[in-house]
Amino acid sequence: MMLKPIKNGGELIASWSLSAAATLGSSVRAKGILLEIRARLPTAVRKSLDINSGELTLKMPEMAKHDFQTSCLVIASALKGIENLPVIPREIQDILTISATERHRWLADGRLPSVGTRTVRLAGRAKKITFHVFDPRLVEELLNTGVVEDWREQDAVTAADNRRRAAWKAQMTRASKKSGGQVVVSPKLGNDEARPDMTGWHEFDRDGLLR
């Protein structure tokens, strides 16, 4: 929503409030929207637009009335449908309070689908970078349902299983080397009574009979 432009000590001022659906409660997302709209303005006036507490504010000297009016039209046009602006990586990490590692993992296994990629050239860098972007409505759904915590619990269980498998494999490898290829192990029963020593355990496991 745009407030009526006012004059303030020789300045022309106009402001627009960003909705919660646009920012998703994230100051990082709000800053991203600011940068997106600044990019559509002439270079000379980009810094005249700023944001504070979810409100975009354009301030220009009274003598720049024409540029001010033109900029207001550009900003108003850019804000139409801004709620659908794709969410970039740093924004989704802030909105969902997730790490870059989690974002990469969930993107790779399909739990966090992207809606495409975006290529930009960062300020001061010659090389362009390409990254995945995300549907803001999907991000909003993930935020509201709390499914991220479920994903973390699943990952913790998987990581624990992987550590156990790795530890068992390492133990079998060490035992095999010590016995010259004939593994002799004494697994523990649930009641802590030792089973009789068994030979050929490695081959038994290799054939998939322990799975």
C-alpha atoms as a PDB file:
ATOM      1  CA  MET A   1       0.000   0.000   0.000  1.00  0.00           C
ATOM      2  CA  MET A   2       1.394   3.374  -0.963  1.00  0.00           C
ATOM      3  CA  LEU A   3       1.015   6.382   1.290  1.00  0.00           C
ATOM      4  CA  LYS A   4       0.361   9.748  -0.321  1.00  0.00           C
ATOM      5  CA  PRO A   5       3.664  11.456  -1.225  1.00  0.00           C
ATOM      6  CA  ILE A   6       4.469  14.268   1.170  1.00  0.00           C
ATOM      7  CA  LYS A   7       6.939  17.113   1.293  1.00  0.00           C
ATOM      8  CA  ASN A   8       9.227  17.186   4.295  1.00  0.00           C
ATOM      9  CA  GLY A   9      11.828  19.921   4.555  1.00  0.00           C
ATOM     10  CA  GLY A  10      12.466  20.052   0.825  1.00  0.00           C
ATOM     11  CA  GLU A  11      12.126  16.278   0.376  1.00  0.00           C
ATOM     12  CA  LEU A  12       9.548  14.224  -1.460  1.00  0.00           C
ATOM     13  CA  ILE A  13       8.656  11.053   0.429  1.00  0.00           C
ATOM     14  CA  ALA A  14       6.500   8.041  -0.441  1.00  0.00           C
ATOM     15  CA  SER A  15       6.251   4.685   1.304  1.00  0.00           C
ATOM     16  CA  TRP A  16       4.841   1.206   0.723  1.00  0.00           C
ATOM     17  CA  SER A  17       4.169  -1.440   3.374  1.00  0.00           C
ATOM     18  CA  LEU A  18       5.170  -5.007   2.540  1.00  0.00           C
ATOM     19  CA  SER A  19       2.664  -7.673   3.544  1.00  0.00           C
ATOM     20  CA  ALA A  20       3.521 -10.698   5.665  1.00  0.00           C
ATOM     21  CA  ALA A  21       2.760 -12.857   2.628  1.00  0.00           C
ATOM     22  CA  ALA A  22       5.555 -11.030   0.792  1.00  0.00           C
ATOM     23  CA  THR A  23       8.239 -11.062   3.493  1.00  0.00           C
ATOM     24  CA  LEU A  24       7.230 -14.356   5.178  1.00  0.00           C
ATOM     25  CA  GLY A  25       8.361 -12.775   8.417  1.00  0.00           C
ATOM     26  CA  SER A  26      11.962 -12.505   7.264  1.00  0.00           C
ATOM     27  CA  SER A  27      14.067  -9.344   7.293  1.00  0.00           C
ATOM     28  CA  VAL A  28      16.398 -11.067   4.822  1.00  0.00           C
ATOM     29  CA  ARG A  29      13.471 -11.627   2.464  1.00  0.00           C
ATOM     30  CA  ALA A  30      12.416  -7.990   2.905  1.00  0.00           C
ATOM     31  CA  LYS A  31      15.935  -6.861   1.984  1.00  0.00           C
ATOM     32  CA  GLY A  32      15.823  -9.144  -1.046  1.00  0.00           C
ATOM     33  CA  ILE A  33      12.603  -7.486  -2.198  1.00  0.00           C
ATOM     34  CA  LEU A  34      14.269  -4.094  -1.766  1.00  0.00           C
ATOM     35  CA  LEU A  35      17.204  -5.144  -3.936  1.00  0.00           C
ATOM     36  CA  GLU A  36      14.854  -6.625  -6.537  1.00  0.00           C
ATOM     37  CA  ILE A  37      12.960  -3.336  -6.842  1.00  0.00           C
ATOM     38  CA  ARG A  38      16.107  -1.196  -6.737  1.00  0.00           C
ATOM     39  CA  ALA A  39      17.390  -3.141  -9.730  1.00  0.00           C
ATOM     40  CA  ARG A  40      14.420  -1.870 -11.755  1.00  0.00           C
ATOM     41  CA  LEU A  41      15.154   1.764 -10.967  1.00  0.00           C
ATOM     42  CA  PRO A  42      17.704   3.992 -12.726  1.00  0.00           C
ATOM     43  CA  THR A  43      21.136   3.631 -11.139  1.00  0.00           C
ATOM     44  CA  ALA A  44      21.187   7.249  -9.986  1.00  0.00           C
ATOM     45  CA  VAL A  45      18.096   6.888  -7.796  1.00  0.00           C
ATOM     46  CA  ARG A  46      18.424   3.336  -6.458  1.00  0.00           C
ATOM     47  CA  LYS A  47      19.852   4.396  -3.106  1.00  0.00           C
ATOM     48  CA  SER A  48      16.908   6.770  -2.657  1.00  0.00           C
ATOM     49  CA  LEU A  49      14.771   3.721  -1.908  1.00  0.00           C
ATOM     50  CA  ASP A  50      15.314   2.017   1.436  1.00  0.00           C
ATOM     51  CA  ILE A  51      13.464  -0.265   3.820  1.00  0.00           C
ATOM     52  CA  ASN A  52      12.789  -0.190   7.541  1.00  0.00           C
ATOM     53  CA  SER A  53      10.531  -2.518   9.544  1.00  0.00           C
ATOM     54  CA  GLY A  54       8.928  -3.926   6.420  1.00  0.00           C
ATOM     55  CA  GLU A  55       8.190  -0.544   4.864  1.00  0.00           C
ATOM     56  CA  LEU A  56       9.778   0.693   1.654  1.00  0.00           C
ATOM     57  CA  THR A  57      10.477   4.407   1.625  1.00  0.00           C
ATOM     58  CA  LEU A  58      11.483   6.572  -1.316  1.00  0.00           C
ATOM     59  CA  LYS A  59      13.077   9.915  -0.494  1.00  0.00           C
ATOM     60  CA  MET A  60      14.192  12.404  -3.127  1.00  0.00           C
ATOM     61  CA  PRO A  61      14.833  16.165  -3.189  1.00  0.00           C
ATOM     62  CA  GLU A  62      11.912  18.354  -4.197  1.00  0.00           C
ATOM     63  CA  MET A  63      13.775  19.482  -7.302  1.00  0.00           C
ATOM     64  CA  ALA A  64      13.716  15.904  -8.619  1.00  0.00           C
ATOM     65  CA  LYS A  65       9.941  15.805  -8.842  1.00  0.00           C
ATOM     66  CA  HIS A  66       9.864  14.187 -12.282  1.00  0.00           C
ATOM     67  CA  ASP A  67      12.305  11.414 -11.303  1.00  0.00           C
ATOM     68  CA  PHE A  68      10.364  10.931  -8.076  1.00  0.00           C
ATOM     69  CA  GLN A  69       7.053  10.444  -9.866  1.00  0.00           C
ATOM     70  CA  THR A  70       8.619   8.091 -12.397  1.00  0.00           C
ATOM     71  CA  SER A  71      10.247   6.050  -9.633  1.00  0.00           C
ATOM     72  CA  CYS A  72       6.946   5.803  -7.762  1.00  0.00           C
ATOM     73  CA  LEU A  73       5.308   4.314 -10.840  1.00  0.00           C
ATOM     74  CA  VAL A  74       8.135   1.790 -11.267  1.00  0.00           C
ATOM     75  CA  ILE A  75       7.978   0.758  -7.608  1.00  0.00           C
ATOM     76  CA  ALA A  76       4.196   0.418  -7.615  1.00  0.00           C
ATOM     77  CA  SER A  77       4.377  -1.750 -10.726  1.00  0.00           C
ATOM     78  CA  ALA A  78       7.169  -3.910  -9.271  1.00  0.00           C
ATOM     79  CA  LEU A  79       5.165  -4.534  -6.099  1.00  0.00           C
ATOM     80  CA  LYS A  80       2.247  -6.041  -7.994  1.00  0.00           C
ATOM     81  CA  GLY A  81       2.387  -9.777  -7.282  1.00  0.00           C
ATOM     82  CA  ILE A  82       5.567  -9.390  -5.202  1.00  0.00           C
ATOM     83  CA  GLU A  83       4.255 -12.177  -2.934  1.00  0.00           C
ATOM     84  CA  ASN A  84       5.067 -14.583  -5.769  1.00  0.00           C
ATOM     85  CA  LEU A  85       8.692 -13.500  -6.147  1.00  0.00           C
ATOM     86  CA  PRO A  86      10.797 -16.709  -5.967  1.00  0.00           C
ATOM     87  CA  VAL A  87      12.669 -17.238  -2.715  1.00  0.00           C
ATOM     88  CA  ILE A  88      16.473 -17.305  -3.042  1.00  0.00           C
ATOM     89  CA  PRO A  89      18.809 -19.489  -0.908  1.00  0.00           C
ATOM     90  CA  ARG A  90      19.748 -17.005   1.809  1.00  0.00           C
ATOM     91  CA  GLU A  91      16.081 -16.091   2.211  1.00  0.00           C
ATOM     92  CA  ILE A  92      14.797 -19.641   2.597  1.00  0.00           C
ATOM     93  CA  GLN A  93      17.531 -20.344   5.145  1.00  0.00           C
ATOM     94  CA  ASP A  94      16.399 -17.374   7.204  1.00  0.00           C
ATOM     95  CA  ILE A  95      12.672 -18.065   6.855  1.00  0.00           C
ATOM     96  CA  LEU A  96      12.911 -21.757   7.816  1.00  0.00           C
ATOM     97  CA  THR A  97      15.923 -21.316  10.138  1.00  0.00           C
ATOM     98  CA  ILE A  98      17.916 -23.968   8.289  1.00  0.00           C
ATOM     99  CA  SER A  99      21.589 -24.281   7.414  1.00  0.00           C
ATOM    100  CA  ALA A 100      23.117 -24.260   3.939  1.00  0.00           C
ATOM    101  CA  THR A 101      24.002 -27.935   4.459  1.00  0.00           C
ATOM    102  CA  GLU A 102      20.383 -28.825   5.177  1.00  0.00           C
ATOM    103  CA  ARG A 103      19.214 -26.834   2.174  1.00  0.00           C
ATOM    104  CA  HIS A 104      21.625 -28.672  -0.130  1.00  0.00           C
ATOM    105  CA  ARG A 105      20.717 -32.087   1.334  1.00  0.00           C
ATOM    106  CA  TRP A 106      16.966 -31.605   1.083  1.00  0.00           C
ATOM    107  CA  LEU A 107      17.252 -30.118  -2.389  1.00  0.00           C
ATOM    108  CA  ALA A 108      19.307 -33.106  -3.542  1.00  0.00           C
ATOM    109  CA  ASP A 109      16.908 -35.739  -2.158  1.00  0.00           C
ATOM    110  CA  GLY A 110      13.786 -33.971  -3.435  1.00  0.00           C
ATOM    111  CA  ARG A 111      12.261 -32.915  -0.138  1.00  0.00           C
ATOM    112  CA  LEU A 112      12.874 -29.258  -0.992  1.00  0.00           C
ATOM    113  CA  PRO A 113      12.010 -28.883  -4.697  1.00  0.00           C
ATOM    114  CA  SER A 114      13.137 -25.796  -6.561  1.00  0.00           C
ATOM    115  CA  VAL A 115      11.147 -23.963  -9.216  1.00  0.00           C
ATOM    116  CA  GLY A 116      14.186 -23.317 -11.370  1.00  0.00           C
ATOM    117  CA  THR A 117      17.513 -21.537 -11.266  1.00  0.00           C
ATOM    118  CA  ARG A 118      18.668 -17.951 -11.414  1.00  0.00           C
ATOM    119  CA  THR A 119      21.978 -16.607 -12.681  1.00  0.00           C
ATOM    120  CA  VAL A 120      23.390 -13.316 -11.440  1.00  0.00           C
ATOM    121  CA  ARG A 121      26.674 -11.440 -11.318  1.00  0.00           C
ATOM    122  CA  LEU A 122      27.489 -10.281  -7.811  1.00  0.00           C
ATOM    123  CA  ALA A 123      28.850  -6.795  -7.273  1.00  0.00           C
ATOM    124  CA  GLY A 124      32.630  -6.720  -7.633  1.00  0.00           C
ATOM    125  CA  ARG A 125      32.811 -10.178  -9.206  1.00  0.00           C
ATOM    126  CA  ALA A 126      33.388 -10.949 -12.854  1.00  0.00           C
ATOM    127  CA  LYS A 127      32.062 -14.497 -12.669  1.00  0.00           C
ATOM    128  CA  LYS A 128      28.338 -15.179 -12.632  1.00  0.00           C
ATOM    129  CA  ILE A 129      26.764 -17.578 -10.143  1.00  0.00           C
ATOM    130  CA  THR A 130      23.734 -19.827 -10.615  1.00  0.00           C
ATOM    131  CA  PHE A 131      21.518 -20.986  -7.770  1.00  0.00           C
ATOM    132  CA  HIS A 132      18.146 -22.643  -7.195  1.00  0.00           C
ATOM    133  CA  VAL A 133      15.087 -20.603  -6.254  1.00  0.00           C
ATOM    134  CA  PHE A 134      11.957 -21.753  -4.436  1.00  0.00           C
ATOM    135  CA  ASP A 135       8.193 -21.242  -4.576  1.00  0.00           C
ATOM    136  CA  PRO A 136       7.219 -18.781  -1.805  1.00  0.00           C
ATOM    137  CA  ARG A 137       3.916 -20.572  -1.213  1.00  0.00           C
ATOM    138  CA  LEU A 138       5.748 -23.878  -0.682  1.00  0.00           C
ATOM    139  CA  VAL A 139       8.137 -22.164   1.710  1.00  0.00           C
ATOM    140  CA  GLU A 140       5.165 -20.684   3.572  1.00  0.00           C
ATOM    141  CA  GLU A 141       3.595 -24.151   3.847  1.00  0.00           C
ATOM    142  CA  LEU A 142       6.815 -25.658   5.203  1.00  0.00           C
ATOM    143  CA  LEU A 143       7.034 -22.832   7.720  1.00  0.00           C
ATOM    144  CA  ASN A 144       3.461 -23.262   8.927  1.00  0.00           C
ATOM    145  CA  THR A 145       3.453 -27.078   9.131  1.00  0.00           C
ATOM    146  CA  GLY A 146       6.767 -27.412  10.960  1.00  0.00           C
ATOM    147  CA  VAL A 147       7.798 -30.306   8.707  1.00  0.00           C
ATOM    148  CA  VAL A 148      11.436 -29.158   8.863  1.00  0.00           C
ATOM    149  CA  GLU A 149      11.728 -30.611  12.388  1.00  0.00           C
ATOM    150  CA  ASP A 150      10.457 -33.955  11.097  1.00  0.00           C
ATOM    151  CA  TRP A 151      13.127 -33.879   8.392  1.00  0.00           C
ATOM    152  CA  ARG A 152      15.802 -33.205  10.982  1.00  0.00           C
ATOM    153  CA  GLU A 153      14.653 -36.168  13.062  1.00  0.00           C
ATOM    154  CA  GLN A 154      14.715 -38.410   9.981  1.00  0.00           C
ATOM    155  CA  ASP A 155      18.224 -37.213   9.153  1.00  0.00           C
ATOM    156  CA  ALA A 156      19.389 -37.874  12.730  1.00  0.00           C
ATOM    157  CA  VAL A 157      18.113 -41.475  12.568  1.00  0.00           C
ATOM    158  CA  THR A 158      19.741 -42.009   9.167  1.00  0.00           C
ATOM    159  CA  ALA A 159      23.040 -40.538  10.360  1.00  0.00           C
ATOM    160  CA  ALA A 160      23.022 -42.790  13.450  1.00  0.00           C
ATOM    161  CA  ASP A 161      22.352 -45.872  11.290  1.00  0.00           C
ATOM    162  CA  ASN A 162      25.169 -44.897   8.935  1.00  0.00           C
ATOM    163  CA  ARG A 163      27.571 -44.479  11.853  1.00  0.00           C
ATOM    164  CA  ARG A 164      26.667 -47.923  13.204  1.00  0.00           C
ATOM    165  CA  ARG A 165      27.176 -49.526   9.803  1.00  0.00           C
ATOM    166  CA  ALA A 166      30.517 -47.765   9.371  1.00  0.00           C
ATOM    167  CA  ALA A 167      31.660 -48.808  12.848  1.00  0.00           C
ATOM    168  CA  TRP A 168      30.649 -52.427  12.243  1.00  0.00           C
ATOM    169  CA  LYS A 169      32.381 -52.492   8.871  1.00  0.00           C
ATOM    170  CA  ALA A 170      35.547 -51.052  10.385  1.00  0.00           C
ATOM    171  CA  GLN A 171      35.426 -53.624  13.189  1.00  0.00           C
ATOM    172  CA  MET A 172      35.017 -56.492  10.721  1.00  0.00           C
ATOM    173  CA  THR A 173      37.859 -55.163   8.577  1.00  0.00           C
ATOM    174  CA  ARG A 174      40.212 -54.965  11.555  1.00  0.00           C
ATOM    175  CA  ALA A 175      39.229 -58.444  12.721  1.00  0.00           C
ATOM    176  CA  SER A 176      39.745 -59.850   9.241  1.00  0.00           C
ATOM    177  CA  LYS A 177      43.246 -58.401   9.043  1.00  0.00           C
ATOM    178  CA  LYS A 178      44.197 -59.785  12.452  1.00  0.00           C
ATOM    179  CA  SER A 179      42.975 -63.293  11.642  1.00  0.00           C
ATOM    180  CA  GLY A 180      44.370 -63.425   8.128  1.00  0.00           C
ATOM    181  CA  GLY A 181      40.964 -63.350   6.527  1.00  0.00           C
ATOM    182  CA  GLN A 182      39.228 -65.678   9.008  1.00  0.00           C
ATOM    183  CA  VAL A 183      37.079 -63.485  11.195  1.00  0.00           C
ATOM    184  CA  VAL A 184      36.320 -64.653  14.710  1.00  0.00           C
ATOM    185  CA  VAL A 185      33.842 -62.460  16.576  1.00  0.00           C
ATOM    186  CA  SER A 186      31.781 -62.728  19.700  1.00  0.00           C
ATOM    187  CA  PRO A 187      28.626 -60.645  19.245  1.00  0.00           C
ATOM    188  CA  LYS A 188      26.614 -59.932  22.383  1.00  0.00           C
ATOM    189  CA  LEU A 189      23.077 -61.206  22.887  1.00  0.00           C
ATOM    190  CA  GLY A 190      20.358 -58.987  24.247  1.00  0.00           C
ATOM    191  CA  ASN A 191      20.905 -60.464  27.749  1.00  0.00           C
ATOM    192  CA  ASP A 192      24.634 -59.781  27.487  1.00  0.00           C
ATOM    193  CA  GLU A 193      25.511 -63.496  27.247  1.00  0.00           C
ATOM    194  CA  ALA A 194      28.255 -64.070  24.706  1.00  0.00           C
ATOM    195  CA  ARG A 195      27.502 -66.247  21.705  1.00  0.00           C
ATOM    196  CA  PRO A 196      29.992 -68.981  20.789  1.00  0.00           C
ATOM    197  CA  ASP A 197      32.851 -67.757  18.603  1.00  0.00           C
ATOM    198  CA  MET A 198      31.964 -68.117  14.927  1.00  0.00           C
ATOM    199  CA  THR A 199      34.273 -68.384  11.925  1.00  0.00           C
ATOM    200  CA  GLY A 200      33.326 -67.275   8.442  1.00  0.00           C
ATOM    201  CA  TRP A 201      31.184 -64.447   9.822  1.00  0.00           C
ATOM    202  CA  HIS A 202      32.520 -62.048   7.208  1.00  0.00           C
ATOM    203  CA  GLU A 203      31.366 -64.250   4.320  1.00  0.00           C
ATOM    204  CA  PHE A 204      27.998 -64.738   6.050  1.00  0.00           C
ATOM    205  CA  ASP A 205      27.497 -60.991   6.197  1.00  0.00           C
ATOM    206  CA  ARG A 206      28.793 -60.478   2.664  1.00  0.00           C
ATOM    207  CA  ASP A 207      26.175 -62.857   1.263  1.00  0.00           C
ATOM    208  CA  GLY A 208      23.449 -60.684   2.724  1.00  0.00           C
ATOM    209  CA  LEU A 209      22.210 -63.186   5.266  1.00  0.00           C
ATOM    210  CA  LEU A 210      22.481 -60.676   8.121  1.00  0.00           C
ATOM    211  CA  ARG A 211      20.255 -58.102   6.437  1.00  0.00           C
END
